[in-house]
Amino acid sequence: MAVYVDSPIWWRAGRKWCHMLADDEHELHRFAARLGIKRTSYQGPPVTKNPHYDLTAYERDLAIRLGAVPVTRSEIVEILRRVRGRSPGKAPD
């Protein structure tokens, strides 16, 4: 299983931000914990259908050093569609 980060291109609160996704939600939470990101920062169902964490550019660099895969915007959208399409008990595509 992999964790993915796109490029930090969104400005908010004076910082550039990006998204972090994973093939599996449990892996996403484990990786976020390794980065020191609190679970309360998670954005996913039922609030949004897109399970992810927002990362600062600094956190993204750390995530890559810890093994996250840097991907393009179009790649992260495709990964998001694949992850979002899964439901409990459904096999990965």
Protein backbone atom coordinates (compact mmCIF):
# COMPACT_ATOMS: atom_id res chain seq x y z
CA MET A 1 0.00 0.00 0.00
CA ALA A 2 1.15 3.51 -0.70
CA VAL A 3 0.67 7.05 0.54
CA TYR A 4 0.58 9.87 -2.01
CA VAL A 5 1.09 13.63 -1.90
CA ASP A 6 0.40 16.16 -4.63
CA SER A 7 2.16 19.49 -5.07
CA PRO A 8 1.59 22.26 -2.53
CA ILE A 9 -0.19 24.84 -4.68
CA TRP A 10 -3.07 26.07 -2.50
CA TRP A 11 -2.47 29.09 -0.28
CA ARG A 12 -4.22 29.23 3.09
CA ALA A 13 -3.22 30.98 6.29
CA GLY A 14 -0.01 32.23 4.70
CA ARG A 15 1.21 28.74 3.75
CA LYS A 16 1.12 26.49 0.72
CA TRP A 17 -0.87 23.28 1.19
CA CYS A 18 -1.31 19.96 -0.59
CA HIS A 19 -3.28 16.74 -0.17
CA MET A 20 -2.20 13.39 1.26
CA LEU A 21 -4.08 10.24 0.24
CA ALA A 22 -3.44 6.53 0.65
CA ASP A 23 -4.61 3.29 -0.90
CA ASP A 24 -6.17 2.40 2.44
CA GLU A 25 -7.74 4.66 5.05
CA HIS A 26 -6.00 2.85 7.91
CA GLU A 27 -2.64 3.39 6.21
CA LEU A 28 -3.53 7.06 5.72
CA HIS A 29 -4.15 7.49 9.46
CA ARG A 30 -1.01 5.55 10.45
CA PHE A 31 1.13 7.69 8.14
CA ALA A 32 -0.43 10.92 9.39
CA ALA A 33 0.39 9.84 12.95
CA ARG A 34 4.03 9.25 11.91
CA LEU A 35 4.07 12.83 10.63
CA GLY A 36 2.69 14.07 13.94
CA ILE A 37 -0.61 15.14 12.40
CA LYS A 38 -3.60 14.83 14.69
CA ARG A 39 -6.52 12.63 13.67
CA THR A 40 -8.81 15.64 14.08
CA SER A 41 -7.18 17.06 10.92
CA TYR A 42 -8.60 14.19 8.85
CA GLN A 43 -11.07 15.17 6.17
CA GLY A 44 -13.35 12.41 5.02
CA PRO A 45 -16.81 10.89 5.26
CA PRO A 46 -19.32 12.00 6.32
CA VAL A 47 -18.08 15.61 5.99
CA THR A 48 -16.49 15.07 2.58
CA LYS A 49 -16.42 12.07 0.28
CA ASN A 50 -12.68 12.54 -0.28
CA PRO A 51 -10.63 10.84 2.48
CA HIS A 52 -7.46 12.89 2.91
CA TYR A 53 -5.29 15.12 5.04
CA ASP A 54 -4.14 18.58 4.03
CA LEU A 55 -0.39 19.06 4.49
CA THR A 56 1.81 22.11 4.52
CA ALA A 57 4.76 22.15 2.13
CA TYR A 58 7.03 21.33 5.09
CA GLU A 59 4.89 18.33 6.09
CA ARG A 60 4.87 17.19 2.46
CA ASP A 61 8.67 17.20 2.35
CA LEU A 62 8.78 15.15 5.55
CA ALA A 63 6.15 12.75 4.17
CA ILE A 64 8.26 12.16 1.06
CA ARG A 65 11.34 11.50 3.22
CA LEU A 66 9.25 8.92 5.11
CA GLY A 67 8.19 7.18 1.89
CA ALA A 68 5.16 9.00 0.50
CA VAL A 69 4.98 9.04 -3.28
CA PRO A 70 4.89 12.49 -4.91
CA VAL A 71 2.29 12.58 -7.69
CA THR A 72 0.87 15.10 -10.11
CA ARG A 73 -2.52 16.75 -9.70
CA SER A 74 -4.05 14.49 -12.36
CA GLU A 75 -2.57 11.38 -10.71
CA ILE A 76 -3.92 12.31 -7.28
CA VAL A 77 -7.38 12.86 -8.77
CA GLU A 78 -7.25 9.37 -10.28
CA ILE A 79 -6.08 7.87 -6.97
CA LEU A 80 -8.87 9.71 -5.18
CA ARG A 81 -11.46 8.28 -7.57
CA ARG A 82 -10.11 4.77 -7.01
CA VAL A 83 -10.03 5.10 -3.21
CA ARG A 84 -13.42 6.81 -3.05
CA GLY A 85 -14.97 4.05 -5.15
CA ARG A 86 -14.16 1.42 -2.57
CA SER A 87 -16.59 0.43 0.09
CA PRO A 88 -16.08 -1.88 3.09
CA GLY A 89 -15.71 -5.42 1.84
CA LYS A 90 -15.15 -4.39 -1.76
CA ALA A 91 -11.93 -5.59 -3.36
CA PRO A 92 -9.54 -2.98 -4.79
CA ASP A 93 -9.71 -2.40 -8.55
